[in-house]
Amino acid sequence: MITVSKSQLKAKMLEYFRRVEQTGEELIVTNNRAPVLKVIPIGDKKDVAEVFADMRGKVKYYDDILTPETDEWGEV
């Protein structure tokens, strides 16, 4: 994690942004030594199958998954 003051960021913003982009490291911006902003790189979009791949075959559901839950949660 990179920490930088607002004044340092202002002077070298492009340099810091490139570093975040290249390394994937978070950038914390401070004001009077207190964190005020967090800059993070946008990750690659993943499809649902990829996100839940490690869960495939591990989740067990014993009821019918298509049964409405309005009794439990009430009507919306």
PDB file of N, CA and C in Angstrom:
ATOM      1  N   MET A   1       0.850  -1.174   0.000  1.00  0.00           N
ATOM      2  CA  MET A   1       0.000   0.000   0.000  1.00  0.00           C
ATOM      3  C   MET A   1       0.897   1.239   0.000  1.00  0.00           C
ATOM      4  N   ILE A   2       0.593   2.139  -0.894  1.00  0.00           N
ATOM      5  CA  ILE A   2       1.326   3.392  -1.019  1.00  0.00           C
ATOM      6  C   ILE A   2       0.553   4.464  -0.260  1.00  0.00           C
ATOM      7  N   THR A   3       1.244   5.247   0.554  1.00  0.00           N
ATOM      8  CA  THR A   3       0.612   6.354   1.263  1.00  0.00           C
ATOM      9  C   THR A   3       1.286   7.640   0.831  1.00  0.00           C
ATOM     10  N   VAL A   4       0.475   8.641   0.509  1.00  0.00           N
ATOM     11  CA  VAL A   4       1.002   9.913   0.022  1.00  0.00           C
ATOM     12  C   VAL A   4       0.103  11.046   0.502  1.00  0.00           C
ATOM     13  N   SER A   5       0.730  12.189   0.787  1.00  0.00           N
ATOM     14  CA  SER A   5      -0.059  13.360   1.191  1.00  0.00           C
ATOM     15  C   SER A   5      -0.675  14.014  -0.048  1.00  0.00           C
ATOM     16  N   LYS A   6      -1.669  14.840   0.184  1.00  0.00           N
ATOM     17  CA  LYS A   6      -2.317  15.525  -0.935  1.00  0.00           C
ATOM     18  C   LYS A   6      -1.316  16.364  -1.720  1.00  0.00           C
ATOM     19  N   SER A   7      -0.429  17.046  -1.025  1.00  0.00           N
ATOM     20  CA  SER A   7       0.537  17.904  -1.714  1.00  0.00           C
ATOM     21  C   SER A   7       1.520  17.083  -2.544  1.00  0.00           C
ATOM     22  N   GLN A   8       1.965  15.932  -2.039  1.00  0.00           N
ATOM     23  CA  GLN A   8       2.852  15.074  -2.814  1.00  0.00           C
ATOM     24  C   GLN A   8       2.126  14.518  -4.042  1.00  0.00           C
ATOM     25  N   LEU A   9       0.884  14.136  -3.841  1.00  0.00           N
ATOM     26  CA  LEU A   9       0.099  13.600  -4.944  1.00  0.00           C
ATOM     27  C   LEU A   9      -0.085  14.652  -6.034  1.00  0.00           C
ATOM     28  N   LYS A  10      -0.354  15.885  -5.615  1.00  0.00           N
ATOM     29  CA  LYS A  10      -0.556  16.959  -6.584  1.00  0.00           C
ATOM     30  C   LYS A  10       0.691  17.150  -7.446  1.00  0.00           C
ATOM     31  N   ALA A  11       1.855  17.065  -6.836  1.00  0.00           N
ATOM     32  CA  ALA A  11       3.107  17.291  -7.555  1.00  0.00           C
ATOM     33  C   ALA A  11       3.451  16.144  -8.505  1.00  0.00           C
ATOM     34  N   LYS A  12       3.058  14.902  -8.151  1.00  0.00           N
ATOM     35  CA  LYS A  12       3.465  13.744  -8.948  1.00  0.00           C
ATOM     36  C   LYS A  12       2.301  12.785  -9.215  1.00  0.00           C
ATOM     37  N   MET A  13       1.135  13.348  -9.481  1.00  0.00           N
ATOM     38  CA  MET A  13      -0.057  12.525  -9.614  1.00  0.00           C
ATOM     39  C   MET A  13       0.063  11.460 -10.699  1.00  0.00           C
ATOM     40  N   LEU A  14       0.519  11.820 -11.867  1.00  0.00           N
ATOM     41  CA  LEU A  14       0.622  10.869 -12.966  1.00  0.00           C
ATOM     42  C   LEU A  14       1.559   9.717 -12.604  1.00  0.00           C
ATOM     43  N   GLU A  15       2.652  10.026 -11.952  1.00  0.00           N
ATOM     44  CA  GLU A  15       3.612   9.003 -11.519  1.00  0.00           C
ATOM     45  C   GLU A  15       2.958   8.013 -10.548  1.00  0.00           C
ATOM     46  N   TYR A  16       2.208   8.526  -9.589  1.00  0.00           N
ATOM     47  CA  TYR A  16       1.528   7.654  -8.621  1.00  0.00           C
ATOM     48  C   TYR A  16       0.440   6.817  -9.296  1.00  0.00           C
ATOM     49  N   PHE A  17      -0.326   7.443 -10.196  1.00  0.00           N
ATOM     50  CA  PHE A  17      -1.380   6.705 -10.889  1.00  0.00           C
ATOM     51  C   PHE A  17      -0.794   5.582 -11.746  1.00  0.00           C
ATOM     52  N   ARG A  18       0.310   5.852 -12.411  1.00  0.00           N
ATOM     53  CA  ARG A  18       0.953   4.806 -13.216  1.00  0.00           C
ATOM     54  C   ARG A  18       1.432   3.657 -12.341  1.00  0.00           C
ATOM     55  N   ARG A  19       1.946   3.995 -11.179  1.00  0.00           N
ATOM     56  CA  ARG A  19       2.422   2.951 -10.255  1.00  0.00           C
ATOM     57  C   ARG A  19       1.265   2.058  -9.794  1.00  0.00           C
ATOM     58  N   VAL A  20       0.141   2.676  -9.455  1.00  0.00           N
ATOM     59  CA  VAL A  20      -1.048   1.911  -9.051  1.00  0.00           C
ATOM     60  C   VAL A  20      -1.494   1.021 -10.204  1.00  0.00           C
ATOM     61  N   GLU A  21      -1.512   1.565 -11.395  1.00  0.00           N
ATOM     62  CA  GLU A  21      -1.950   0.814 -12.571  1.00  0.00           C
ATOM     63  C   GLU A  21      -1.024  -0.368 -12.864  1.00  0.00           C
ATOM     64  N   GLN A  22       0.277  -0.165 -12.738  1.00  0.00           N
ATOM     65  CA  GLN A  22       1.238  -1.210 -13.075  1.00  0.00           C
ATOM     66  C   GLN A  22       1.350  -2.285 -12.005  1.00  0.00           C
ATOM     67  N   THR A  23       1.311  -1.890 -10.729  1.00  0.00           N
ATOM     68  CA  THR A  23       1.532  -2.850  -9.647  1.00  0.00           C
ATOM     69  C   THR A  23       0.244  -3.403  -9.056  1.00  0.00           C
ATOM     70  N   GLY A  24      -0.874  -2.694  -9.235  1.00  0.00           N
ATOM     71  CA  GLY A  24      -2.124  -3.108  -8.622  1.00  0.00           C
ATOM     72  C   GLY A  24      -2.199  -2.738  -7.151  1.00  0.00           C
ATOM     73  N   GLU A  25      -1.222  -2.016  -6.672  1.00  0.00           N
ATOM     74  CA  GLU A  25      -1.155  -1.602  -5.270  1.00  0.00           C
ATOM     75  C   GLU A  25      -2.150  -0.468  -4.999  1.00  0.00           C
ATOM     76  N   GLU A  26      -2.711  -0.445  -3.801  1.00  0.00           N
ATOM     77  CA  GLU A  26      -3.621   0.632  -3.413  1.00  0.00           C
ATOM     78  C   GLU A  26      -2.829   1.889  -3.075  1.00  0.00           C
ATOM     79  N   LEU A  27      -3.442   3.040  -3.308  1.00  0.00           N
ATOM     80  CA  LEU A  27      -2.847   4.328  -2.978  1.00  0.00           C
ATOM     81  C   LEU A  27      -3.744   5.007  -1.955  1.00  0.00           C
ATOM     82  N   ILE A  28      -3.201   5.320  -0.787  1.00  0.00           N
ATOM     83  CA  ILE A  28      -3.936   6.036   0.260  1.00  0.00           C
ATOM     84  C   ILE A  28      -3.457   7.481   0.258  1.00  0.00           C
ATOM     85  N   VAL A  29      -4.399   8.409   0.147  1.00  0.00           N
ATOM     86  CA  VAL A  29      -4.081   9.832   0.156  1.00  0.00           C
ATOM     87  C   VAL A  29      -4.441  10.381   1.522  1.00  0.00           C
ATOM     88  N   THR A  30      -3.508  11.154   2.092  1.00  0.00           N
ATOM     89  CA  THR A  30      -3.722  11.688   3.439  1.00  0.00           C
ATOM     90  C   THR A  30      -3.845  13.208   3.423  1.00  0.00           C
ATOM     91  N   ASN A  31      -4.528  13.693   4.452  1.00  0.00           N
ATOM     92  CA  ASN A  31      -4.628  15.122   4.701  1.00  0.00           C
ATOM     93  C   ASN A  31      -4.298  15.313   6.176  1.00  0.00           C
ATOM     94  N   ASN A  32      -3.230  16.025   6.467  1.00  0.00           N
ATOM     95  CA  ASN A  32      -2.741  16.175   7.842  1.00  0.00           C
ATOM     96  C   ASN A  32      -2.545  14.804   8.509  1.00  0.00           C
ATOM     97  N   ARG A  33      -1.956  13.891   7.743  1.00  0.00           N
ATOM     98  CA  ARG A  33      -1.617  12.523   8.177  1.00  0.00           C
ATOM     99  C   ARG A  33      -2.821  11.610   8.408  1.00  0.00           C
ATOM    100  N   ALA A  34      -4.022  12.088   8.133  1.00  0.00           N
ATOM    101  CA  ALA A  34      -5.216  11.257   8.269  1.00  0.00           C
ATOM    102  C   ALA A  34      -5.642  10.789   6.873  1.00  0.00           C
ATOM    103  N   PRO A  35      -5.916   9.504   6.703  1.00  0.00           N
ATOM    104  CA  PRO A  35      -6.332   9.010   5.394  1.00  0.00           C
ATOM    105  C   PRO A  35      -7.693   9.585   4.991  1.00  0.00           C
ATOM    106  N   VAL A  36      -7.761  10.065   3.747  1.00  0.00           N
ATOM    107  CA  VAL A  36      -9.011  10.653   3.259  1.00  0.00           C
ATOM    108  C   VAL A  36      -9.495  10.023   1.951  1.00  0.00           C
ATOM    109  N   LEU A  37      -8.613   9.413   1.183  1.00  0.00           N
ATOM    110  CA  LEU A  37      -8.988   8.804  -0.094  1.00  0.00           C
ATOM    111  C   LEU A  37      -8.234   7.496  -0.295  1.00  0.00           C
ATOM    112  N   LYS A  38      -8.857   6.584  -1.028  1.00  0.00           N
ATOM    113  CA  LYS A  38      -8.171   5.361  -1.428  1.00  0.00           C
ATOM    114  C   LYS A  38      -8.355   5.200  -2.930  1.00  0.00           C
ATOM    115  N   VAL A  39      -7.254   5.047  -3.635  1.00  0.00           N
ATOM    116  CA  VAL A  39      -7.282   4.844  -5.081  1.00  0.00           C
ATOM    117  C   VAL A  39      -6.899   3.396  -5.332  1.00  0.00           C
ATOM    118  N   ILE A  40      -7.772   2.671  -6.035  1.00  0.00           N
ATOM    119  CA  ILE A  40      -7.498   1.275  -6.343  1.00  0.00           C
ATOM    120  C   ILE A  40      -7.680   1.048  -7.836  1.00  0.00           C
ATOM    121  N   PRO A  41      -6.921   0.121  -8.403  1.00  0.00           N
ATOM    122  CA  PRO A  41      -7.092  -0.152  -9.829  1.00  0.00           C
ATOM    123  C   PRO A  41      -8.400  -0.904 -10.069  1.00  0.00           C
ATOM    124  N   ILE A  42      -8.974  -0.688 -11.227  1.00  0.00           N
ATOM    125  CA  ILE A  42     -10.174  -1.426 -11.606  1.00  0.00           C
ATOM    126  C   ILE A  42      -9.720  -2.796 -12.086  1.00  0.00           C
ATOM    127  N   GLY A  43     -10.271  -3.833 -11.478  1.00  0.00           N
ATOM    128  CA  GLY A  43      -9.892  -5.183 -11.854  1.00  0.00           C
ATOM    129  C   GLY A  43     -10.572  -5.620 -13.136  1.00  0.00           C
ATOM    130  N   ASP A  44     -10.074  -6.698 -13.691  1.00  0.00           N
ATOM    131  CA  ASP A  44     -10.700  -7.268 -14.878  1.00  0.00           C
ATOM    132  C   ASP A  44     -12.059  -7.831 -14.500  1.00  0.00           C
ATOM    133  N   LYS A  45     -13.010  -7.653 -15.373  1.00  0.00           N
ATOM    134  CA  LYS A  45     -14.334  -8.205 -15.120  1.00  0.00           C
ATOM    135  C   LYS A  45     -14.275  -9.708 -15.323  1.00  0.00           C
ATOM    136  N   LYS A  46     -14.914 -10.434 -14.419  1.00  0.00           N
ATOM    137  CA  LYS A  46     -14.946 -11.879 -14.493  1.00  0.00           C
ATOM    138  C   LYS A  46     -16.392 -12.323 -14.652  1.00  0.00           C
ATOM    139  N   ASP A  47     -16.585 -13.424 -15.362  1.00  0.00           N
ATOM    140  CA  ASP A  47     -17.942 -13.928 -15.488  1.00  0.00           C
ATOM    141  C   ASP A  47     -18.321 -14.705 -14.225  1.00  0.00           C
ATOM    142  N   VAL A  48     -19.593 -14.962 -14.069  1.00  0.00           N
ATOM    143  CA  VAL A  48     -20.117 -15.598 -12.862  1.00  0.00           C
ATOM    144  C   VAL A  48     -19.476 -16.967 -12.632  1.00  0.00           C
ATOM    145  N   ALA A  49     -19.311 -17.748 -13.683  1.00  0.00           N
ATOM    146  CA  ALA A  49     -18.723 -19.083 -13.546  1.00  0.00           C
ATOM    147  C   ALA A  49     -17.305 -19.006 -12.982  1.00  0.00           C
ATOM    148  N   GLU A  50     -16.549 -18.014 -13.398  1.00  0.00           N
ATOM    149  CA  GLU A  50     -15.176 -17.857 -12.910  1.00  0.00           C
ATOM    150  C   GLU A  50     -15.145 -17.412 -11.446  1.00  0.00           C
ATOM    151  N   VAL A  51     -16.039 -16.499 -11.082  1.00  0.00           N
ATOM    152  CA  VAL A  51     -16.073 -15.992  -9.713  1.00  0.00           C
ATOM    153  C   VAL A  51     -16.422 -17.094  -8.724  1.00  0.00           C
ATOM    154  N   PHE A  52     -17.370 -17.957  -9.089  1.00  0.00           N
ATOM    155  CA  PHE A  52     -17.833 -19.000  -8.173  1.00  0.00           C
ATOM    156  C   PHE A  52     -17.254 -20.376  -8.482  1.00  0.00           C
ATOM    157  N   ALA A  53     -16.206 -20.438  -9.276  1.00  0.00           N
ATOM    158  CA  ALA A  53     -15.628 -21.723  -9.678  1.00  0.00           C
ATOM    159  C   ALA A  53     -15.191 -22.561  -8.482  1.00  0.00           C
ATOM    160  N   ASP A  54     -14.623 -21.951  -7.460  1.00  0.00           N
ATOM    161  CA  ASP A  54     -14.148 -22.717  -6.302  1.00  0.00           C
ATOM    162  C   ASP A  54     -15.297 -23.239  -5.439  1.00  0.00           C
ATOM    163  N   MET A  55     -16.507 -22.740  -5.643  1.00  0.00           N
ATOM    164  CA  MET A  55     -17.670 -23.194  -4.877  1.00  0.00           C
ATOM    165  C   MET A  55     -18.434 -24.317  -5.576  1.00  0.00           C
ATOM    166  N   ARG A  56     -18.148 -24.537  -6.867  1.00  0.00           N
ATOM    167  CA  ARG A  56     -18.886 -25.544  -7.644  1.00  0.00           C
ATOM    168  C   ARG A  56     -18.772 -26.913  -6.980  1.00  0.00           C
ATOM    169  N   GLY A  57     -19.917 -27.510  -6.727  1.00  0.00           N
ATOM    170  CA  GLY A  57     -19.966 -28.838  -6.135  1.00  0.00           C
ATOM    171  C   GLY A  57     -19.852 -28.858  -4.616  1.00  0.00           C
ATOM    172  N   LYS A  58     -19.694 -27.696  -3.979  1.00  0.00           N
ATOM    173  CA  LYS A  58     -19.527 -27.636  -2.527  1.00  0.00           C
ATOM    174  C   LYS A  58     -20.776 -27.129  -1.801  1.00  0.00           C
ATOM    175  N   VAL A  59     -21.675 -26.479  -2.507  1.00  0.00           N
ATOM    176  CA  VAL A  59     -22.867 -25.910  -1.893  1.00  0.00           C
ATOM    177  C   VAL A  59     -24.007 -26.920  -1.989  1.00  0.00           C
ATOM    178  N   LYS A  60     -24.680 -27.151  -0.866  1.00  0.00           N
ATOM    179  CA  LYS A  60     -25.810 -28.070  -0.853  1.00  0.00           C
ATOM    180  C   LYS A  60     -27.052 -27.311  -0.414  1.00  0.00           C
ATOM    181  N   TYR A  61     -28.124 -27.499  -1.153  1.00  0.00           N
ATOM    182  CA  TYR A  61     -29.392 -26.859  -0.838  1.00  0.00           C
ATOM    183  C   TYR A  61     -30.442 -27.957  -0.835  1.00  0.00           C
ATOM    184  N   TYR A  62     -31.139 -28.129   0.240  1.00  0.00           N
ATOM    185  CA  TYR A  62     -32.018 -29.276   0.405  1.00  0.00           C
ATOM    186  C   TYR A  62     -33.477 -29.014   0.031  1.00  0.00           C
ATOM    187  N   ASP A  63     -33.889 -27.769  -0.085  1.00  0.00           N
ATOM    188  CA  ASP A  63     -35.252 -27.446  -0.479  1.00  0.00           C
ATOM    189  C   ASP A  63     -35.278 -27.087  -1.963  1.00  0.00           C
ATOM    190  N   ASP A  64     -36.477 -26.917  -2.485  1.00  0.00           N
ATOM    191  CA  ASP A  64     -36.631 -26.488  -3.868  1.00  0.00           C
ATOM    192  C   ASP A  64     -36.209 -25.026  -3.955  1.00  0.00           C
ATOM    193  N   ILE A  65     -35.200 -24.725  -4.759  1.00  0.00           N
ATOM    194  CA  ILE A  65     -34.678 -23.350  -4.821  1.00  0.00           C
ATOM    195  C   ILE A  65     -35.644 -22.386  -5.499  1.00  0.00           C
ATOM    196  N   LEU A  66     -36.669 -22.916  -6.155  1.00  0.00           N
ATOM    197  CA  LEU A  66     -37.644 -22.054  -6.829  1.00  0.00           C
ATOM    198  C   LEU A  66     -38.847 -21.728  -5.959  1.00  0.00           C
ATOM    199  N   THR A  67     -38.886 -22.229  -4.724  1.00  0.00           N
ATOM    200  CA  THR A  67     -39.990 -21.957  -3.810  1.00  0.00           C
ATOM    201  C   THR A  67     -39.941 -20.495  -3.370  1.00  0.00           C
ATOM    202  N   PRO A  68     -41.045 -19.752  -3.502  1.00  0.00           N
ATOM    203  CA  PRO A  68     -41.053 -18.341  -3.070  1.00  0.00           C
ATOM    204  C   PRO A  68     -40.808 -18.223  -1.565  1.00  0.00           C
ATOM    205  N   GLU A  69     -40.152 -17.182  -1.152  1.00  0.00           N
ATOM    206  CA  GLU A  69     -39.829 -16.948   0.253  1.00  0.00           C
ATOM    207  C   GLU A  69     -40.683 -15.825   0.845  1.00  0.00           C
ATOM    208  N   THR A  70     -41.833 -15.543   0.245  1.00  0.00           N
ATOM    209  CA  THR A  70     -42.666 -14.431   0.722  1.00  0.00           C
ATOM    210  C   THR A  70     -43.205 -14.675   2.115  1.00  0.00           C
ATOM    211  N   ASP A  71     -43.417 -15.932   2.506  1.00  0.00           N
ATOM    212  CA  ASP A  71     -43.900 -16.210   3.855  1.00  0.00           C
ATOM    213  C   ASP A  71     -42.857 -15.796   4.887  1.00  0.00           C
ATOM    214  N   GLU A  72     -41.621 -16.090   4.585  1.00  0.00           N
ATOM    215  CA  GLU A  72     -40.534 -15.772   5.523  1.00  0.00           C
ATOM    216  C   GLU A  72     -40.210 -14.289   5.570  1.00  0.00           C
ATOM    217  N   TRP A  73     -40.190 -13.638   4.404  1.00  0.00           N
ATOM    218  CA  TRP A  73     -39.757 -12.251   4.327  1.00  0.00           C
ATOM    219  C   TRP A  73     -40.895 -11.266   4.170  1.00  0.00           C
ATOM    220  N   GLY A  74     -42.072 -11.722   3.849  1.00  0.00           N
ATOM    221  CA  GLY A  74     -43.190 -10.808   3.655  1.00  0.00           C
ATOM    222  C   GLY A  74     -43.239 -10.285   2.236  1.00  0.00           C
ATOM    223  N   GLU A  75     -44.376  -9.752   1.863  1.00  0.00           N
ATOM    224  CA  GLU A  75     -44.547  -9.187   0.519  1.00  0.00           C
ATOM    225  C   GLU A  75     -43.792  -7.866   0.420  1.00  0.00           C
ATOM    226  N   VAL A  76     -43.285  -7.575  -0.753  1.00  0.00           N
ATOM    227  CA  VAL A  76     -42.552  -6.323  -0.979  1.00  0.00           C
ATOM    228  C   VAL A  76     -43.463  -5.317  -1.613  1.00  0.00           C
TER     229      VAL A  76
END
